[in-house]
PDB file of N, CA and C in Angstrom:
ATOM      1  N   MET A   1     -12.795 -44.478 -35.005  1.00  0.00           N
ATOM      2  CA  MET A   1     -12.179 -43.696 -33.957  1.00  0.00           C
ATOM      3  C   MET A   1     -11.885 -44.896 -32.893  1.00  0.00           C
ATOM      4  N   SER A   2     -11.045 -45.139 -31.895  1.00  0.00           N
ATOM      5  CA  SER A   2     -10.640 -45.739 -31.069  1.00  0.00           C
ATOM      6  C   SER A   2     -11.337 -45.617 -29.766  1.00  0.00           C
ATOM      7  N   ASN A   3     -11.670 -46.735 -29.079  1.00  0.00           N
ATOM      8  CA  ASN A   3     -12.326 -46.657 -27.531  1.00  0.00           C
ATOM      9  C   ASN A   3     -11.316 -46.351 -26.464  1.00  0.00           C
ATOM     10  N   HIS A   4     -10.034 -46.046 -26.966  1.00  0.00           N
ATOM     11  CA  HIS A   4      -8.849 -45.962 -26.163  1.00  0.00           C
ATOM     12  C   HIS A   4      -8.606 -44.381 -25.803  1.00  0.00           C
ATOM     13  N   HIS A   5      -8.714 -44.103 -24.434  1.00  0.00           N
ATOM     14  CA  HIS A   5      -8.214 -42.677 -24.107  1.00  0.00           C
ATOM     15  C   HIS A   5      -6.910 -42.414 -23.410  1.00  0.00           C
ATOM     16  N   THR A   6      -6.248 -41.452 -23.583  1.00  0.00           N
ATOM     17  CA  THR A   6      -5.187 -41.098 -22.887  1.00  0.00           C
ATOM     18  C   THR A   6      -5.298 -39.932 -21.933  1.00  0.00           C
ATOM     19  N   TYR A   7      -4.912 -39.949 -20.856  1.00  0.00           N
ATOM     20  CA  TYR A   7      -5.346 -39.094 -19.674  1.00  0.00           C
ATOM     21  C   TYR A   7      -3.968 -38.190 -19.164  1.00  0.00           C
ATOM     22  N   LYS A   8      -4.320 -37.118 -18.908  1.00  0.00           N
ATOM     23  CA  LYS A   8      -3.313 -36.300 -18.036  1.00  0.00           C
ATOM     24  C   LYS A   8      -3.852 -35.976 -16.673  1.00  0.00           C
ATOM     25  N   LYS A   9      -3.011 -35.893 -15.512  1.00  0.00           N
ATOM     26  CA  LYS A   9      -3.442 -35.405 -14.567  1.00  0.00           C
ATOM     27  C   LYS A   9      -2.512 -34.107 -13.948  1.00  0.00           C
ATOM     28  N   ILE A  10      -3.494 -33.132 -13.500  1.00  0.00           N
ATOM     29  CA  ILE A  10      -2.891 -31.829 -13.039  1.00  0.00           C
ATOM     30  C   ILE A  10      -3.320 -32.086 -11.500  1.00  0.00           C
ATOM     31  N   GLU A  11      -2.566 -31.071 -10.644  1.00  0.00           N
ATOM     32  CA  GLU A  11      -3.079 -31.166  -9.018  1.00  0.00           C
ATOM     33  C   GLU A  11      -3.641 -29.583  -8.866  1.00  0.00           C
ATOM     34  N   MET A  12      -4.844 -29.742  -8.208  1.00  0.00           N
ATOM     35  CA  MET A  12      -5.043 -28.450  -7.864  1.00  0.00           C
ATOM     36  C   MET A  12      -5.556 -28.604  -6.186  1.00  0.00           C
ATOM     37  N   VAL A  13      -5.516 -27.392  -5.634  1.00  0.00           N
ATOM     38  CA  VAL A  13      -5.881 -26.942  -4.426  1.00  0.00           C
ATOM     39  C   VAL A  13      -7.155 -26.088  -4.215  1.00  0.00           C
ATOM     40  N   GLY A  14      -8.266 -26.816  -3.625  1.00  0.00           N
ATOM     41  CA  GLY A  14      -9.276 -25.760  -3.433  1.00  0.00           C
ATOM     42  C   GLY A  14      -9.780 -25.434  -2.009  1.00  0.00           C
ATOM     43  N   SER A  15     -10.122 -24.599  -1.544  1.00  0.00           N
ATOM     44  CA  SER A  15     -10.501 -24.061  -0.151  1.00  0.00           C
ATOM     45  C   SER A  15     -11.818 -23.361   0.159  1.00  0.00           C
ATOM     46  N   SER A  16     -12.149 -23.697   1.032  1.00  0.00           N
ATOM     47  CA  SER A  16     -13.639 -23.184   1.641  1.00  0.00           C
ATOM     48  C   SER A  16     -13.721 -22.874   3.044  1.00  0.00           C
ATOM     49  N   LYS A  17     -14.566 -22.012   3.357  1.00  0.00           N
ATOM     50  CA  LYS A  17     -14.816 -21.749   5.147  1.00  0.00           C
ATOM     51  C   LYS A  17     -15.855 -22.716   5.299  1.00  0.00           C
ATOM     52  N   THR A  18     -16.478 -23.331   4.447  1.00  0.00           N
ATOM     53  CA  THR A  18     -17.660 -24.023   4.815  1.00  0.00           C
ATOM     54  C   THR A  18     -17.372 -25.515   5.130  1.00  0.00           C
ATOM     55  N   SER A  19     -16.758 -26.219   4.163  1.00  0.00           N
ATOM     56  CA  SER A  19     -16.714 -27.550   4.031  1.00  0.00           C
ATOM     57  C   SER A  19     -15.701 -27.883   3.229  1.00  0.00           C
ATOM     58  N   ILE A  20     -15.377 -29.369   3.525  1.00  0.00           N
ATOM     59  CA  ILE A  20     -14.404 -29.805   2.635  1.00  0.00           C
ATOM     60  C   ILE A  20     -15.057 -30.379   1.213  1.00  0.00           C
ATOM     61  N   GLU A  21     -16.517 -30.441   0.930  1.00  0.00           N
ATOM     62  CA  GLU A  21     -17.134 -30.628  -0.210  1.00  0.00           C
ATOM     63  C   GLU A  21     -17.157 -29.659  -0.857  1.00  0.00           C
ATOM     64  N   GLU A  22     -17.179 -28.399  -0.442  1.00  0.00           N
ATOM     65  CA  GLU A  22     -17.192 -27.037  -0.994  1.00  0.00           C
ATOM     66  C   GLU A  22     -16.039 -26.733  -1.586  1.00  0.00           C
ATOM     67  N   ALA A  23     -14.898 -27.070  -0.847  1.00  0.00           N
ATOM     68  CA  ALA A  23     -13.523 -27.091  -1.239  1.00  0.00           C
ATOM     69  C   ALA A  23     -13.239 -27.904  -2.631  1.00  0.00           C
ATOM     70  N   ILE A  24     -14.040 -28.812  -2.555  1.00  0.00           N
ATOM     71  CA  ILE A  24     -13.608 -29.614  -3.890  1.00  0.00           C
ATOM     72  C   ILE A  24     -14.626 -29.200  -4.837  1.00  0.00           C
ATOM     73  N   GLN A  25     -15.574 -28.836  -4.647  1.00  0.00           N
ATOM     74  CA  GLN A  25     -16.276 -27.889  -5.870  1.00  0.00           C
ATOM     75  C   GLN A  25     -15.725 -26.711  -6.252  1.00  0.00           C
ATOM     76  N   ASN A  26     -15.144 -25.925  -5.311  1.00  0.00           N
ATOM     77  CA  ASN A  26     -14.368 -24.765  -5.840  1.00  0.00           C
ATOM     78  C   ASN A  26     -13.252 -24.976  -6.711  1.00  0.00           C
ATOM     79  N   ALA A  27     -12.460 -26.065  -6.368  1.00  0.00           N
ATOM     80  CA  ALA A  27     -11.283 -26.531  -7.222  1.00  0.00           C
ATOM     81  C   ALA A  27     -11.882 -26.994  -8.770  1.00  0.00           C
ATOM     82  N   LEU A  28     -12.772 -27.695  -8.608  1.00  0.00           N
ATOM     83  CA  LEU A  28     -13.174 -28.191 -10.006  1.00  0.00           C
ATOM     84  C   LEU A  28     -13.790 -27.339 -10.586  1.00  0.00           C
ATOM     85  N   ALA A  29     -14.638 -26.334 -10.079  1.00  0.00           N
ATOM     86  CA  ALA A  29     -15.132 -25.193 -10.823  1.00  0.00           C
ATOM     87  C   ALA A  29     -14.279 -24.414 -11.435  1.00  0.00           C
ATOM     88  N   GLU A  30     -13.200 -23.915 -10.593  1.00  0.00           N
ATOM     89  CA  GLU A  30     -12.042 -23.215 -11.125  1.00  0.00           C
ATOM     90  C   GLU A  30     -11.299 -23.956 -12.128  1.00  0.00           C
ATOM     91  N   CYS A  31     -10.868 -24.993 -12.258  1.00  0.00           N
ATOM     92  CA  CYS A  31     -10.215 -25.834 -13.212  1.00  0.00           C
ATOM     93  C   CYS A  31     -11.106 -25.969 -14.606  1.00  0.00           C
ATOM     94  N   HIS A  32     -12.340 -25.860 -14.350  1.00  0.00           N
ATOM     95  CA  HIS A  32     -13.259 -26.230 -15.641  1.00  0.00           C
ATOM     96  C   HIS A  32     -13.178 -25.060 -16.577  1.00  0.00           C
ATOM     97  N   LYS A  33     -12.723 -23.863 -15.811  1.00  0.00           N
ATOM     98  CA  LYS A  33     -12.937 -22.672 -16.642  1.00  0.00           C
ATOM     99  C   LYS A  33     -11.636 -22.594 -17.607  1.00  0.00           C
ATOM    100  N   THR A  34     -10.550 -23.493 -17.732  1.00  0.00           N
ATOM    101  CA  THR A  34      -9.418 -23.898 -18.755  1.00  0.00           C
ATOM    102  C   THR A  34      -9.358 -25.098 -18.948  1.00  0.00           C
ATOM    103  N   VAL A  35      -9.685 -26.226 -18.327  1.00  0.00           N
ATOM    104  CA  VAL A  35      -9.338 -27.398 -18.912  1.00  0.00           C
ATOM    105  C   VAL A  35     -10.585 -28.153 -19.317  1.00  0.00           C
ATOM    106  N   LYS A  36     -10.512 -28.647 -20.612  1.00  0.00           N
ATOM    107  CA  LYS A  36     -11.691 -29.407 -21.190  1.00  0.00           C
ATOM    108  C   LYS A  36     -11.422 -30.985 -20.933  1.00  0.00           C
ATOM    109  N   ASN A  37     -12.365 -31.267 -20.780  1.00  0.00           N
ATOM    110  CA  ASN A  37     -12.566 -33.044 -20.973  1.00  0.00           C
ATOM    111  C   ASN A  37     -12.136 -33.550 -19.408  1.00  0.00           C
ATOM    112  N   MET A  38     -12.607 -32.838 -18.600  1.00  0.00           N
ATOM    113  CA  MET A  38     -12.062 -33.411 -17.156  1.00  0.00           C
ATOM    114  C   MET A  38     -13.296 -34.966 -16.929  1.00  0.00           C
ATOM    115  N   ASP A  39     -12.509 -35.708 -16.521  1.00  0.00           N
ATOM    116  CA  ASP A  39     -13.468 -36.894 -16.267  1.00  0.00           C
ATOM    117  C   ASP A  39     -13.283 -37.518 -14.747  1.00  0.00           C
ATOM    118  N   TRP A  40     -12.387 -36.998 -13.952  1.00  0.00           N
ATOM    119  CA  TRP A  40     -12.234 -37.836 -12.573  1.00  0.00           C
ATOM    120  C   TRP A  40     -11.599 -36.949 -11.967  1.00  0.00           C
ATOM    121  N   PHE A  41     -11.426 -37.117 -10.543  1.00  0.00           N
ATOM    122  CA  PHE A  41     -10.754 -36.590  -9.576  1.00  0.00           C
ATOM    123  C   PHE A  41     -10.618 -37.434  -8.305  1.00  0.00           C
ATOM    124  N   GLU A  42      -9.332 -37.247  -7.659  1.00  0.00           N
ATOM    125  CA  GLU A  42      -8.972 -38.068  -6.558  1.00  0.00           C
ATOM    126  C   GLU A  42      -8.392 -36.985  -5.513  1.00  0.00           C
ATOM    127  N   VAL A  43      -8.892 -37.167  -4.270  1.00  0.00           N
ATOM    128  CA  VAL A  43      -8.729 -36.170  -3.191  1.00  0.00           C
ATOM    129  C   VAL A  43      -7.165 -37.271  -2.702  1.00  0.00           C
ATOM    130  N   VAL A  44      -6.379 -36.105  -2.835  1.00  0.00           N
ATOM    131  CA  VAL A  44      -4.968 -36.560  -2.332  1.00  0.00           C
ATOM    132  C   VAL A  44      -4.509 -36.120  -0.836  1.00  0.00           C
ATOM    133  N   GLU A  45      -5.051 -35.196  -0.311  1.00  0.00           N
ATOM    134  CA  GLU A  45      -4.795 -34.395   0.780  1.00  0.00           C
ATOM    135  C   GLU A  45      -5.832 -33.413   1.591  1.00  0.00           C
ATOM    136  N   THR A  46      -6.022 -33.518   2.532  1.00  0.00           N
ATOM    137  CA  THR A  46      -6.901 -32.777   3.473  1.00  0.00           C
ATOM    138  C   THR A  46      -6.282 -31.962   4.477  1.00  0.00           C
ATOM    139  N   ARG A  47      -6.467 -30.643   4.570  1.00  0.00           N
ATOM    140  CA  ARG A  47      -6.046 -29.920   5.523  1.00  0.00           C
ATOM    141  C   ARG A  47      -6.960 -28.784   5.925  1.00  0.00           C
ATOM    142  N   GLY A  48      -6.367 -28.030   6.947  1.00  0.00           N
ATOM    143  CA  GLY A  48      -7.566 -26.985   7.449  1.00  0.00           C
ATOM    144  C   GLY A  48      -6.452 -26.119   7.831  1.00  0.00           C
ATOM    145  N   HIS A  49      -7.002 -24.603   8.250  1.00  0.00           N
ATOM    146  CA  HIS A  49      -6.202 -23.566   8.934  1.00  0.00           C
ATOM    147  C   HIS A  49      -7.195 -23.185  10.218  1.00  0.00           C
ATOM    148  N   ILE A  50      -6.285 -23.100  11.200  1.00  0.00           N
ATOM    149  CA  ILE A  50      -7.061 -22.872  12.542  1.00  0.00           C
ATOM    150  C   ILE A  50      -6.984 -21.560  12.932  1.00  0.00           C
ATOM    151  N   VAL A  51      -7.834 -20.966  13.239  1.00  0.00           N
ATOM    152  CA  VAL A  51      -8.277 -19.502  13.771  1.00  0.00           C
ATOM    153  C   VAL A  51      -9.035 -19.549  15.286  1.00  0.00           C
ATOM    154  N   ASP A  52      -8.548 -19.136  16.359  1.00  0.00           N
ATOM    155  CA  ASP A  52      -9.047 -19.145  17.578  1.00  0.00           C
ATOM    156  C   ASP A  52      -9.480 -20.397  18.052  1.00  0.00           C
ATOM    157  N   GLY A  53      -8.772 -21.535  17.753  1.00  0.00           N
ATOM    158  CA  GLY A  53      -9.289 -22.888  17.961  1.00  0.00           C
ATOM    159  C   GLY A  53     -10.452 -23.632  17.342  1.00  0.00           C
ATOM    160  N   ALA A  54     -10.744 -22.968  16.354  1.00  0.00           N
ATOM    161  CA  ALA A  54     -11.788 -23.281  15.398  1.00  0.00           C
ATOM    162  C   ALA A  54     -11.315 -23.395  14.054  1.00  0.00           C
ATOM    163  N   VAL A  55     -12.158 -24.048  13.247  1.00  0.00           N
ATOM    164  CA  VAL A  55     -11.609 -24.114  11.620  1.00  0.00           C
ATOM    165  C   VAL A  55     -11.659 -22.639  10.977  1.00  0.00           C
ATOM    166  N   GLY A  56     -10.753 -22.517  10.465  1.00  0.00           N
ATOM    167  CA  GLY A  56     -10.612 -21.122   9.836  1.00  0.00           C
ATOM    168  C   GLY A  56     -10.934 -21.360   8.139  1.00  0.00           C
ATOM    169  N   HIS A  57     -10.543 -22.526   7.653  1.00  0.00           N
ATOM    170  CA  HIS A  57     -10.972 -23.045   6.353  1.00  0.00           C
ATOM    171  C   HIS A  57     -10.197 -24.280   6.145  1.00  0.00           C
ATOM    172  N   PHE A  58     -10.971 -24.778   5.113  1.00  0.00           N
ATOM    173  CA  PHE A  58     -10.574 -26.236   4.704  1.00  0.00           C
ATOM    174  C   PHE A  58      -9.804 -26.163   3.661  1.00  0.00           C
ATOM    175  N   GLN A  59      -8.973 -26.700   3.215  1.00  0.00           N
ATOM    176  CA  GLN A  59      -8.184 -26.965   1.827  1.00  0.00           C
ATOM    177  C   GLN A  59      -8.285 -28.510   1.827  1.00  0.00           C
ATOM    178  N   VAL A  60      -8.334 -28.546   0.261  1.00  0.00           N
ATOM    179  CA  VAL A  60      -8.366 -29.953  -0.334  1.00  0.00           C
ATOM    180  C   VAL A  60      -7.507 -30.289  -1.616  1.00  0.00           C
ATOM    181  N   THR A  61      -6.548 -31.167  -1.468  1.00  0.00           N
ATOM    182  CA  THR A  61      -5.638 -31.286  -2.947  1.00  0.00           C
ATOM    183  C   THR A  61      -6.259 -32.241  -3.565  1.00  0.00           C
ATOM    184  N   LEU A  62      -6.449 -31.994  -5.022  1.00  0.00           N
ATOM    185  CA  LEU A  62      -6.926 -32.916  -5.885  1.00  0.00           C
ATOM    186  C   LEU A  62      -6.037 -32.989  -6.970  1.00  0.00           C
ATOM    187  N   LYS A  63      -5.988 -34.337  -7.588  1.00  0.00           N
ATOM    188  CA  LYS A  63      -5.474 -34.605  -8.956  1.00  0.00           C
ATOM    189  C   LYS A  63      -6.662 -34.758  -9.556  1.00  0.00           C
ATOM    190  N   ILE A  64      -6.890 -34.033 -10.925  1.00  0.00           N
ATOM    191  CA  ILE A  64      -7.819 -34.050 -11.620  1.00  0.00           C
ATOM    192  C   ILE A  64      -7.095 -34.664 -13.119  1.00  0.00           C
ATOM    193  N   GLY A  65      -8.136 -35.893 -13.506  1.00  0.00           N
ATOM    194  CA  GLY A  65      -7.651 -36.434 -14.737  1.00  0.00           C
ATOM    195  C   GLY A  65      -8.454 -35.791 -15.830  1.00  0.00           C
ATOM    196  N   PHE A  66      -7.917 -35.713 -17.074  1.00  0.00           N
ATOM    197  CA  PHE A  66      -8.507 -35.400 -18.217  1.00  0.00           C
ATOM    198  C   PHE A  66      -8.201 -35.802 -19.360  1.00  0.00           C
ATOM    199  N   ARG A  67      -8.982 -35.889 -20.313  1.00  0.00           N
ATOM    200  CA  ARG A  67      -8.486 -36.632 -21.633  1.00  0.00           C
ATOM    201  C   ARG A  67      -7.791 -35.797 -22.354  1.00  0.00           C
ATOM    202  N   ILE A  68      -6.519 -36.518 -23.325  1.00  0.00           N
ATOM    203  CA  ILE A  68      -6.154 -35.534 -23.923  1.00  0.00           C
ATOM    204  C   ILE A  68      -6.044 -36.238 -25.278  1.00  0.00           C
ATOM    205  N   GLY A  69      -5.870 -35.839 -26.725  1.00  0.00           N
ATOM    206  CA  GLY A  69      -5.862 -36.206 -27.839  1.00  0.00           C
ATOM    207  C   GLY A  69      -7.487 -36.124 -28.244  1.00  0.00           C
ATOM    208  N   ASP A  70      -7.778 -37.218 -28.818  1.00  0.00           N
ATOM    209  CA  ASP A  70      -9.561 -37.188 -29.561  1.00  0.00           C
ATOM    210  C   ASP A  70     -10.265 -37.221 -28.456  1.00  0.00           C
ATOM    211  N   SER A  71     -11.277 -36.003 -28.488  1.00  0.00           N
ATOM    212  CA  SER A  71     -12.323 -35.949 -27.747  1.00  0.00           C
ATOM    213  C   SER A  71     -13.464 -36.703 -27.642  1.00  0.00           C
TER     214      SER A  71
END
């Protein structure tokens, strides 16, 4: 078996009323339900929704890398 891996990247958006970190965790947890062999993530965009002059919720766009082929 080779020590080389091939990866695929997908993009997910997580949201949270509490924090950016929770938005990341929410996206990863949801992705984990259907995607196997997740190895890394990259935050590519952070934004939020404003309600009455305050943060309504946070949104974080992630690129998630996972191994394909040999597990």
